Amino acid sequence: MGSWLRNMKYLLMAVVIFLAACGDNEFSKMSDKELRQRDYQCKMMANPSTAEIQVCNNIRRECERRAADGHYAC
């Protein structure tokens, strides 16, 4: 019974992570102007923290996603 419960716990965690990754994020709801400004700020940062690097990566991905849809916001 213990290993079955442990496997179910891991399966549940994987499903939650998958669903969170597939949903809309704050950047997909951002206006083009704000996204462009945030992208520019990221490019101008001299020594970004680890958290800032992750945010900037997410902003860059959203710019690339919009560009792939033919909408060049950044």
Protein backbone atom coordinates (compact mmCIF):
# COMPACT_ATOMS: atom_id res chain seq x y z
CA MET A 1 0.00 0.00 0.00
CA GLY A 2 2.86 2.39 0.79
CA SER A 3 4.51 2.26 -2.65
CA TRP A 4 1.12 2.69 -4.37
CA LEU A 5 0.44 5.83 -2.33
CA ARG A 6 3.92 7.17 -3.04
CA ASN A 7 3.46 6.59 -6.78
CA MET A 8 0.11 8.38 -6.71
CA LYS A 9 1.73 11.32 -4.92
CA TYR A 10 4.34 11.65 -7.67
CA LEU A 11 1.71 11.31 -10.37
CA LEU A 12 -0.39 14.04 -8.77
CA MET A 13 2.62 16.36 -8.52
CA ALA A 14 3.45 15.77 -12.20
CA VAL A 15 -0.13 16.54 -13.25
CA VAL A 16 -0.20 19.76 -11.21
CA ILE A 17 3.11 20.91 -12.71
CA PHE A 18 1.94 20.05 -16.22
CA LEU A 19 -1.33 21.94 -15.82
CA ALA A 20 0.42 24.97 -14.35
CA ALA A 21 2.83 25.07 -17.29
CA CYS A 22 0.02 24.88 -19.84
CA GLY A 23 -2.10 27.69 -18.45
CA ASP A 24 -1.99 31.37 -19.29
CA ASN A 25 0.72 33.26 -17.52
CA GLU A 26 0.95 36.88 -16.48
CA PHE A 27 3.02 37.72 -19.55
CA SER A 28 0.46 36.43 -22.03
CA LYS A 29 -2.03 38.91 -20.57
CA MET A 30 0.44 41.81 -20.73
CA SER A 31 -0.03 44.56 -23.31
CA ASP A 32 2.50 44.85 -26.14
CA LYS A 33 3.72 48.18 -24.80
CA GLU A 34 4.35 46.82 -21.30
CA LEU A 35 5.98 43.64 -22.63
CA ARG A 36 8.26 45.72 -24.87
CA GLN A 37 9.22 47.95 -21.90
CA ARG A 38 9.96 44.98 -19.66
CA ASP A 39 12.02 43.33 -22.41
CA TYR A 40 14.05 46.52 -22.80
CA GLN A 41 14.61 46.73 -19.03
CA CYS A 42 15.87 43.15 -19.06
CA LYS A 43 18.32 43.91 -21.84
CA MET A 44 19.67 46.94 -19.95
CA MET A 45 20.24 45.16 -16.60
CA ALA A 46 23.90 45.09 -15.64
CA ASN A 47 23.90 42.42 -12.91
CA PRO A 48 20.50 40.72 -12.71
CA SER A 49 19.72 38.40 -9.82
CA THR A 50 18.76 34.79 -10.40
CA ALA A 51 15.07 35.67 -10.01
CA GLU A 52 15.38 38.57 -12.47
CA ILE A 53 17.08 36.28 -14.99
CA GLN A 54 14.15 33.86 -14.76
CA VAL A 55 11.61 36.67 -15.21
CA CYS A 56 13.56 37.98 -18.20
CA ASN A 57 13.66 34.49 -19.72
CA ASN A 58 9.88 34.29 -19.36
CA ILE A 59 9.48 37.72 -20.98
CA ARG A 60 11.77 36.68 -23.85
CA ARG A 61 9.73 33.48 -24.36
CA GLU A 62 6.51 35.49 -24.51
CA CYS A 63 8.09 37.83 -27.09
CA GLU A 64 9.12 34.79 -29.14
CA ARG A 65 5.66 33.21 -28.78
CA ARG A 66 4.00 36.37 -30.09
CA ALA A 67 6.52 36.62 -32.92
CA ALA A 68 5.78 33.02 -33.93
CA ASP A 69 2.12 34.05 -34.19
CA GLY A 70 3.17 36.89 -36.53
CA HIS A 71 2.80 39.56 -33.85
CA TYR A 72 6.16 41.27 -33.28
CA ALA A 73 5.74 43.06 -29.95
CA CYS A 74 9.39 43.14 -28.88
